[in-house]
């Protein structure tokens, strides 16, 4: 089983960093639900959820 993790992207779409690793998708999504506002303050505008090398989805952090 692969770990789940987020890749944070800035406004230009460049990668900022990856999150910690999570054992499952639910844990990764719960973490994002708690941390999204602090990630915005860090400069992230969008995030992508990965499972190993597999891209699940990309989403914006703003409610626009």
PDB file of N, CA and C in Angstrom:
ATOM      1  N   UNK A   1       0.837  -1.195   0.000  1.00  0.00           N
ATOM      2  CA  UNK A   1       0.000   0.000   0.000  1.00  0.00           C
ATOM      3  C   UNK A   1       0.875   1.249   0.000  1.00  0.00           C
ATOM      4  N   UNK A   2       0.535   2.202  -0.822  1.00  0.00           N
ATOM      5  CA  UNK A   2       1.286   3.454  -0.908  1.00  0.00           C
ATOM      6  C   UNK A   2       0.769   4.462   0.095  1.00  0.00           C
ATOM      7  N   UNK A   3       1.637   5.367   0.475  1.00  0.00           N
ATOM      8  CA  UNK A   3       1.245   6.455   1.362  1.00  0.00           C
ATOM      9  C   UNK A   3       0.539   7.543   0.558  1.00  0.00           C
ATOM     10  N   UNK A   4      -0.347   8.252   1.243  1.00  0.00           N
ATOM     11  CA  UNK A   4      -1.014   9.419   0.669  1.00  0.00           C
ATOM     12  C   UNK A   4      -0.287  10.664   1.147  1.00  0.00           C
ATOM     13  N   UNK A   5      -0.184  11.660   0.287  1.00  0.00           N
ATOM     14  CA  UNK A   5       0.432  12.927   0.661  1.00  0.00           C
ATOM     15  C   UNK A   5      -0.058  14.020  -0.271  1.00  0.00           C
ATOM     16  N   UNK A   6       0.075  15.246   0.192  1.00  0.00           N
ATOM     17  CA  UNK A   6      -0.313  16.423  -0.574  1.00  0.00           C
ATOM     18  C   UNK A   6       0.936  17.107  -1.116  1.00  0.00           C
ATOM     19  N   UNK A   7       0.838  17.651  -2.311  1.00  0.00           N
ATOM     20  CA  UNK A   7       1.855  18.556  -2.838  1.00  0.00           C
ATOM     21  C   UNK A   7       1.214  19.930  -2.890  1.00  0.00           C
ATOM     22  N   UNK A   8       1.880  20.899  -2.284  1.00  0.00           N
ATOM     23  CA  UNK A   8       1.379  22.269  -2.233  1.00  0.00           C
ATOM     24  C   UNK A   8       1.976  23.062  -3.385  1.00  0.00           C
ATOM     25  N   UNK A   9       1.134  23.893  -4.021  1.00  0.00           N
ATOM     26  CA  UNK A   9       1.559  24.695  -5.173  1.00  0.00           C
ATOM     27  C   UNK A   9       1.278  26.178  -4.897  1.00  0.00           C
ATOM     28  N   UNK A  10       2.170  27.034  -5.368  1.00  0.00           N
ATOM     29  CA  UNK A  10       1.950  28.472  -5.219  1.00  0.00           C
ATOM     30  C   UNK A  10       1.047  28.985  -6.338  1.00  0.00           C
ATOM     31  N   UNK A  11       0.846  30.285  -6.385  1.00  0.00           N
ATOM     32  CA  UNK A  11      -0.073  30.897  -7.356  1.00  0.00           C
ATOM     33  C   UNK A  11       0.354  30.626  -8.794  1.00  0.00           C
ATOM     34  N   UNK A  12       1.657  30.544  -9.028  1.00  0.00           N
ATOM     35  CA  UNK A  12       2.169  30.276 -10.375  1.00  0.00           C
ATOM     36  C   UNK A  12       2.098  28.793 -10.746  1.00  0.00           C
ATOM     37  N   UNK A  13       1.749  27.947  -9.778  1.00  0.00           N
ATOM     38  CA  UNK A  13       1.654  26.516 -10.046  1.00  0.00           C
ATOM     39  C   UNK A  13       2.904  25.733  -9.704  1.00  0.00           C
ATOM     40  N   UNK A  14       3.926  26.422  -9.212  1.00  0.00           N
ATOM     41  CA  UNK A  14       5.169  25.736  -8.831  1.00  0.00           C
ATOM     42  C   UNK A  14       4.984  25.007  -7.511  1.00  0.00           C
ATOM     43  N   UNK A  15       5.652  23.880  -7.377  1.00  0.00           N
ATOM     44  CA  UNK A  15       5.594  23.112  -6.136  1.00  0.00           C
ATOM     45  C   UNK A  15       6.306  23.851  -5.017  1.00  0.00           C
ATOM     46  N   UNK A  16       5.656  23.926  -3.855  1.00  0.00           N
ATOM     47  CA  UNK A  16       6.274  24.506  -2.670  1.00  0.00           C
ATOM     48  C   UNK A  16       6.922  23.427  -1.819  1.00  0.00           C
ATOM     49  N   UNK A  17       6.148  22.399  -1.506  1.00  0.00           N
ATOM     50  CA  UNK A  17       6.641  21.289  -0.694  1.00  0.00           C
ATOM     51  C   UNK A  17       5.572  20.207  -0.648  1.00  0.00           C
ATOM     52  N   UNK A  18       5.938  19.085  -0.058  1.00  0.00           N
ATOM     53  CA  UNK A  18       4.990  17.998   0.180  1.00  0.00           C
ATOM     54  C   UNK A  18       4.627  17.971   1.653  1.00  0.00           C
ATOM     55  N   UNK A  19       3.460  17.443   1.933  1.00  0.00           N
ATOM     56  CA  UNK A  19       3.024  17.272   3.321  1.00  0.00           C
ATOM     57  C   UNK A  19       3.659  16.017   3.908  1.00  0.00           C
ATOM     58  N   UNK A  20       3.356  15.764   5.162  1.00  0.00           N
ATOM     59  CA  UNK A  20       3.690  14.486   5.771  1.00  0.00           C
ATOM     60  C   UNK A  20       2.936  13.390   5.028  1.00  0.00           C
ATOM     61  N   UNK A  21       3.289  12.156   5.288  1.00  0.00           N
ATOM     62  CA  UNK A  21       2.627  11.002   4.657  1.00  0.00           C
ATOM     63  C   UNK A  21       1.505  10.495   5.561  1.00  0.00           C
ATOM     64  N   UNK A  22       0.454   9.992   4.945  1.00  0.00           N
ATOM     65  CA  UNK A  22      -0.709   9.474   5.671  1.00  0.00           C
ATOM     66  C   UNK A  22      -0.989   8.051   5.213  1.00  0.00           C
ATOM     67  N   UNK A  23      -1.509   7.242   6.107  1.00  0.00           N
ATOM     68  CA  UNK A  23      -1.773   5.835   5.793  1.00  0.00           C
ATOM     69  C   UNK A  23      -2.954   5.648   4.854  1.00  0.00           C
ATOM     70  N   UNK A  24      -3.895   6.601   4.864  1.00  0.00           N
ATOM     71  CA  UNK A  24      -5.071   6.448   4.010  1.00  0.00           C
ATOM     72  C   UNK A  24      -5.576   7.817   3.555  1.00  0.00           C
ATOM     73  N   UNK A  25      -6.458   7.783   2.564  1.00  0.00           N
ATOM     74  CA  UNK A  25      -7.000   9.007   1.966  1.00  0.00           C
ATOM     75  C   UNK A  25      -7.794   9.819   2.979  1.00  0.00           C
ATOM     76  N   UNK A  26      -8.556   9.149   3.825  1.00  0.00           N
ATOM     77  CA  UNK A  26      -9.378   9.845   4.817  1.00  0.00           C
ATOM     78  C   UNK A  26      -8.520  10.669   5.780  1.00  0.00           C
ATOM     79  N   UNK A  27      -7.413  10.090   6.240  1.00  0.00           N
ATOM     80  CA  UNK A  27      -6.518  10.826   7.135  1.00  0.00           C
ATOM     81  C   UNK A  27      -5.911  12.036   6.430  1.00  0.00           C
ATOM     82  N   UNK A  28      -5.528  11.857   5.179  1.00  0.00           N
ATOM     83  CA  UNK A  28      -4.963  12.970   4.403  1.00  0.00           C
ATOM     84  C   UNK A  28      -5.985  14.084   4.230  1.00  0.00           C
ATOM     85  N   UNK A  29      -7.219  13.721   3.923  1.00  0.00           N
ATOM     86  CA  UNK A  29      -8.266  14.731   3.723  1.00  0.00           C
ATOM     87  C   UNK A  29      -8.649  15.407   5.034  1.00  0.00           C
ATOM     88  N   UNK A  30      -8.651  14.687   6.133  1.00  0.00           N
ATOM     89  CA  UNK A  30      -8.927  15.306   7.432  1.00  0.00           C
ATOM     90  C   UNK A  30      -7.835  16.311   7.792  1.00  0.00           C
ATOM     91  N   UNK A  31      -6.593  15.948   7.528  1.00  0.00           N
ATOM     92  CA  UNK A  31      -5.482  16.864   7.787  1.00  0.00           C
ATOM     93  C   UNK A  31      -5.661  18.143   6.974  1.00  0.00           C
ATOM     94  N   UNK A  32      -6.023  18.000   5.692  1.00  0.00           N
ATOM     95  CA  UNK A  32      -6.218  19.171   4.845  1.00  0.00           C
ATOM     96  C   UNK A  32      -7.357  20.032   5.387  1.00  0.00           C
ATOM     97  N   UNK A  33      -8.410  19.405   5.876  1.00  0.00           N
ATOM     98  CA  UNK A  33      -9.527  20.144   6.451  1.00  0.00           C
ATOM     99  C   UNK A  33      -9.127  20.986   7.652  1.00  0.00           C
ATOM    100  N   UNK A  34      -8.143  20.521   8.384  1.00  0.00           N
ATOM    101  CA  UNK A  34      -7.653  21.268   9.554  1.00  0.00           C
ATOM    102  C   UNK A  34      -6.607  22.319   9.184  1.00  0.00           C
ATOM    103  N   UNK A  35      -5.819  22.063   8.164  1.00  0.00           N
ATOM    104  CA  UNK A  35      -4.624  22.866   7.889  1.00  0.00           C
ATOM    105  C   UNK A  35      -4.723  23.844   6.726  1.00  0.00           C
ATOM    106  N   UNK A  36      -5.815  23.810   5.959  1.00  0.00           N
ATOM    107  CA  UNK A  36      -5.854  24.593   4.720  1.00  0.00           C
ATOM    108  C   UNK A  36      -5.591  26.076   4.931  1.00  0.00           C
ATOM    109  N   UNK A  37      -6.088  26.658   6.011  1.00  0.00           N
ATOM    110  CA  UNK A  37      -5.896  28.106   6.193  1.00  0.00           C
ATOM    111  C   UNK A  37      -4.435  28.437   6.497  1.00  0.00           C
ATOM    112  N   UNK A  38      -3.757  27.599   7.258  1.00  0.00           N
ATOM    113  CA  UNK A  38      -2.339  27.859   7.525  1.00  0.00           C
ATOM    114  C   UNK A  38      -1.505  27.626   6.260  1.00  0.00           C
ATOM    115  N   UNK A  39      -1.951  26.733   5.388  1.00  0.00           N
ATOM    116  CA  UNK A  39      -1.246  26.517   4.128  1.00  0.00           C
ATOM    117  C   UNK A  39      -1.385  27.723   3.211  1.00  0.00           C
ATOM    118  N   UNK A  40      -2.551  28.370   3.234  1.00  0.00           N
ATOM    119  CA  UNK A  40      -2.724  29.625   2.487  1.00  0.00           C
ATOM    120  C   UNK A  40      -1.745  30.679   2.984  1.00  0.00           C
ATOM    121  N   UNK A  41      -1.602  30.791   4.296  1.00  0.00           N
ATOM    122  CA  UNK A  41      -0.660  31.758   4.875  1.00  0.00           C
ATOM    123  C   UNK A  41       0.774  31.451   4.471  1.00  0.00           C
ATOM    124  N   UNK A  42       1.048  30.174   4.236  1.00  0.00           N
ATOM    125  CA  UNK A  42       2.380  29.738   3.826  1.00  0.00           C
ATOM    126  C   UNK A  42       2.645  30.051   2.347  1.00  0.00           C
ATOM    127  N   UNK A  43       1.591  30.381   1.595  1.00  0.00           N
ATOM    128  CA  UNK A  43       1.751  30.727   0.187  1.00  0.00           C
ATOM    129  C   UNK A  43       1.174  29.714  -0.782  1.00  0.00           C
ATOM    130  N   UNK A  44       0.566  28.651  -0.266  1.00  0.00           N
ATOM    131  CA  UNK A  44      -0.055  27.649  -1.143  1.00  0.00           C
ATOM    132  C   UNK A  44      -1.390  28.174  -1.654  1.00  0.00           C
ATOM    133  N   UNK A  45      -1.655  27.954  -2.917  1.00  0.00           N
ATOM    134  CA  UNK A  45      -2.935  28.326  -3.522  1.00  0.00           C
ATOM    135  C   UNK A  45      -3.724  27.094  -3.938  1.00  0.00           C
ATOM    136  N   UNK A  46      -3.020  26.061  -4.369  1.00  0.00           N
ATOM    137  CA  UNK A  46      -3.654  24.804  -4.756  1.00  0.00           C
ATOM    138  C   UNK A  46      -2.864  23.653  -4.137  1.00  0.00           C
ATOM    139  N   UNK A  47      -3.516  22.500  -4.061  1.00  0.00           N
ATOM    140  CA  UNK A  47      -2.880  21.297  -3.536  1.00  0.00           C
ATOM    141  C   UNK A  47      -3.296  20.108  -4.401  1.00  0.00           C
ATOM    142  N   UNK A  48      -2.427  19.124  -4.475  1.00  0.00           N
ATOM    143  CA  UNK A  48      -2.714  17.900  -5.210  1.00  0.00           C
ATOM    144  C   UNK A  48      -2.521  16.723  -4.268  1.00  0.00           C
ATOM    145  N   UNK A  49      -3.494  15.830  -4.256  1.00  0.00           N
ATOM    146  CA  UNK A  49      -3.407  14.625  -3.432  1.00  0.00           C
ATOM    147  C   UNK A  49      -2.831  13.487  -4.269  1.00  0.00           C
ATOM    148  N   UNK A  50      -1.780  12.863  -3.741  1.00  0.00           N
ATOM    149  CA  UNK A  50      -1.133  11.730  -4.391  1.00  0.00           C
ATOM    150  C   UNK A  50      -1.218  10.500  -3.500  1.00  0.00           C
ATOM    151  N   UNK A  51      -1.256   9.356  -4.151  1.00  0.00           N
ATOM    152  CA  UNK A  51      -1.078   8.071  -3.495  1.00  0.00           C
ATOM    153  C   UNK A  51       0.118   7.436  -4.182  1.00  0.00           C
ATOM    154  N   UNK A  52       1.261   7.484  -3.538  1.00  0.00           N
ATOM    155  CA  UNK A  52       2.485   7.078  -4.225  1.00  0.00           C
ATOM    156  C   UNK A  52       2.707   8.004  -5.404  1.00  0.00           C
ATOM    157  N   UNK A  53       2.786   7.442  -6.609  1.00  0.00           N
ATOM    158  CA  UNK A  53       2.954   8.244  -7.827  1.00  0.00           C
ATOM    159  C   UNK A  53       1.638   8.585  -8.500  1.00  0.00           C
ATOM    160  N   UNK A  54       0.536   8.050  -7.994  1.00  0.00           N
ATOM    161  CA  UNK A  54      -0.778   8.254  -8.613  1.00  0.00           C
ATOM    162  C   UNK A  54      -1.417   9.555  -8.118  1.00  0.00           C
ATOM    163  N   UNK A  55      -1.764  10.423  -9.073  1.00  0.00           N
ATOM    164  CA  UNK A  55      -2.433  11.682  -8.756  1.00  0.00           C
ATOM    165  C   UNK A  55      -3.927  11.424  -8.612  1.00  0.00           C
ATOM    166  N   UNK A  56      -4.499  11.805  -7.457  1.00  0.00           N
ATOM    167  CA  UNK A  56      -5.942  11.631  -7.243  1.00  0.00           C
ATOM    168  C   UNK A  56      -6.721  12.857  -7.698  1.00  0.00           C
ATOM    169  N   UNK A  57      -6.380  14.028  -7.173  1.00  0.00           N
ATOM    170  CA  UNK A  57      -7.058  15.249  -7.618  1.00  0.00           C
ATOM    171  C   UNK A  57      -6.302  16.480  -7.144  1.00  0.00           C
ATOM    172  N   UNK A  58      -6.593  17.587  -7.800  1.00  0.00           N
ATOM    173  CA  UNK A  58      -6.019  18.892  -7.448  1.00  0.00           C
ATOM    174  C   UNK A  58      -7.168  19.808  -7.089  1.00  0.00           C
ATOM    175  N   UNK A  59      -6.957  20.660  -6.094  1.00  0.00           N
ATOM    176  CA  UNK A  59      -8.017  21.597  -5.707  1.00  0.00           C
ATOM    177  C   UNK A  59      -7.407  22.896  -5.207  1.00  0.00           C
ATOM    178  N   UNK A  60      -8.206  23.964  -5.309  1.00  0.00           N
ATOM    179  CA  UNK A  60      -7.810  25.257  -4.790  1.00  0.00           C
ATOM    180  C   UNK A  60      -8.138  25.364  -3.315  1.00  0.00           C
ATOM    181  N   UNK A  61      -7.406  26.207  -2.616  1.00  0.00           N
ATOM    182  CA  UNK A  61      -7.631  26.393  -1.183  1.00  0.00           C
ATOM    183  C   UNK A  61      -8.552  27.561  -0.874  1.00  0.00           C
ATOM    184  N   UNK A  62      -8.815  28.404  -1.857  1.00  0.00           N
ATOM    185  CA  UNK A  62      -9.707  29.544  -1.644  1.00  0.00           C
ATOM    186  C   UNK A  62     -11.128  29.172  -2.048  1.00  0.00           C
ATOM    187  N   UNK A  63     -12.089  29.853  -1.465  1.00  0.00           N
ATOM    188  CA  UNK A  63     -13.496  29.544  -1.729  1.00  0.00           C
ATOM    189  C   UNK A  63     -14.073  30.307  -2.907  1.00  0.00           C
ATOM    190  N   UNK A  64     -13.251  30.824  -3.782  1.00  0.00           N
ATOM    191  CA  UNK A  64     -13.684  31.606  -4.941  1.00  0.00           C
ATOM    192  C   UNK A  64     -14.423  30.776  -5.936  1.00  0.00           C
TER     193      UNK A  64
END
